């Protein structure tokens, strides 16, 4: 197997993994946002965006 094919395959695998990670983090943020009992605009809500 040539280095170009290995590099190409690993690049596509990385893209797939990154896409899954972004989707998973979006789901986690949605769950945390629903569970958070802070006022809208509070520091806790702003921190949620920083933490994720």
C-alpha atoms as a PDB file:
ATOM      1  CA  UNK A   1       0.000   0.000   0.000  1.00  0.00           C
ATOM      2  CA  UNK A   2       1.433   3.359  -0.967  1.00  0.00           C
ATOM      3  CA  UNK A   3       1.915   6.213   1.458  1.00  0.00           C
ATOM      4  CA  UNK A   4      -0.565   8.306  -0.511  1.00  0.00           C
ATOM      5  CA  UNK A   5      -3.316   5.723  -0.054  1.00  0.00           C
ATOM      6  CA  UNK A   6      -2.561   5.364   3.659  1.00  0.00           C
ATOM      7  CA  UNK A   7      -2.586   9.138   4.087  1.00  0.00           C
ATOM      8  CA  UNK A   8      -5.846   9.461   2.129  1.00  0.00           C
ATOM      9  CA  UNK A   9      -7.546   6.708   4.115  1.00  0.00           C
ATOM     10  CA  UNK A  10      -6.435   8.209   7.419  1.00  0.00           C
ATOM     11  CA  UNK A  11      -7.626  11.655   6.333  1.00  0.00           C
ATOM     12  CA  UNK A  12     -11.106  10.351   5.576  1.00  0.00           C
ATOM     13  CA  UNK A  13     -11.178   8.446   8.865  1.00  0.00           C
ATOM     14  CA  UNK A  14     -10.199  11.643  10.688  1.00  0.00           C
ATOM     15  CA  UNK A  15     -12.975  13.589   8.993  1.00  0.00           C
ATOM     16  CA  UNK A  16     -15.529  10.929   9.964  1.00  0.00           C
ATOM     17  CA  UNK A  17     -14.302  10.921  13.568  1.00  0.00           C
ATOM     18  CA  UNK A  18     -14.373  14.715  13.777  1.00  0.00           C
ATOM     19  CA  UNK A  19     -17.917  14.800  12.406  1.00  0.00           C
ATOM     20  CA  UNK A  20     -19.036  12.262  14.991  1.00  0.00           C
ATOM     21  CA  UNK A  21     -17.332  14.228  17.769  1.00  0.00           C
ATOM     22  CA  UNK A  22     -19.066  17.455  16.752  1.00  0.00           C
ATOM     23  CA  UNK A  23     -22.434  15.691  16.679  1.00  0.00           C
ATOM     24  CA  UNK A  24     -21.822  14.042  20.063  1.00  0.00           C
ATOM     25  CA  UNK A  25     -20.799  17.352  21.646  1.00  0.00           C
ATOM     26  CA  UNK A  26     -23.928  18.987  20.254  1.00  0.00           C
ATOM     27  CA  UNK A  27     -26.063  16.296  21.868  1.00  0.00           C
ATOM     28  CA  UNK A  28     -24.250  16.676  25.192  1.00  0.00           C
ATOM     29  CA  UNK A  29     -24.734  20.447  25.094  1.00  0.00           C
ATOM     30  CA  UNK A  30     -28.434  20.019  24.406  1.00  0.00           C
ATOM     31  CA  UNK A  31     -28.811  17.631  27.356  1.00  0.00           C
ATOM     32  CA  UNK A  32     -26.844  19.905  29.704  1.00  0.00           C
ATOM     33  CA  UNK A  33     -28.825  22.942  28.565  1.00  0.00           C
ATOM     34  CA  UNK A  34     -32.084  21.134  29.327  1.00  0.00           C
ATOM     35  CA  UNK A  35     -30.820  20.063  32.763  1.00  0.00           C
ATOM     36  CA  UNK A  36     -29.462  23.514  33.705  1.00  0.00           C
ATOM     37  CA  UNK A  37     -31.809  25.438  35.990  1.00  0.00           C
ATOM     38  CA  UNK A  38     -30.122  28.829  35.656  1.00  0.00           C
ATOM     39  CA  UNK A  39     -31.664  32.034  34.375  1.00  0.00           C
ATOM     40  CA  UNK A  40     -31.306  32.931  30.719  1.00  0.00           C
ATOM     41  CA  UNK A  41     -28.138  34.998  30.238  1.00  0.00           C
ATOM     42  CA  UNK A  42     -26.626  33.819  33.518  1.00  0.00           C
ATOM     43  CA  UNK A  43     -22.947  33.059  33.910  1.00  0.00           C
ATOM     44  CA  UNK A  44     -23.741  29.358  34.187  1.00  0.00           C
ATOM     45  CA  UNK A  45     -25.351  29.357  30.738  1.00  0.00           C
ATOM     46  CA  UNK A  46     -22.440  31.297  29.230  1.00  0.00           C
ATOM     47  CA  UNK A  47     -19.995  28.902  30.890  1.00  0.00           C
ATOM     48  CA  UNK A  48     -21.786  25.986  29.241  1.00  0.00           C
ATOM     49  CA  UNK A  49     -20.677  27.264  25.835  1.00  0.00           C
ATOM     50  CA  UNK A  50     -17.099  27.613  27.052  1.00  0.00           C
ATOM     51  CA  UNK A  51     -17.003  24.162  28.641  1.00  0.00           C
ATOM     52  CA  UNK A  52     -18.245  22.429  25.526  1.00  0.00           C
END
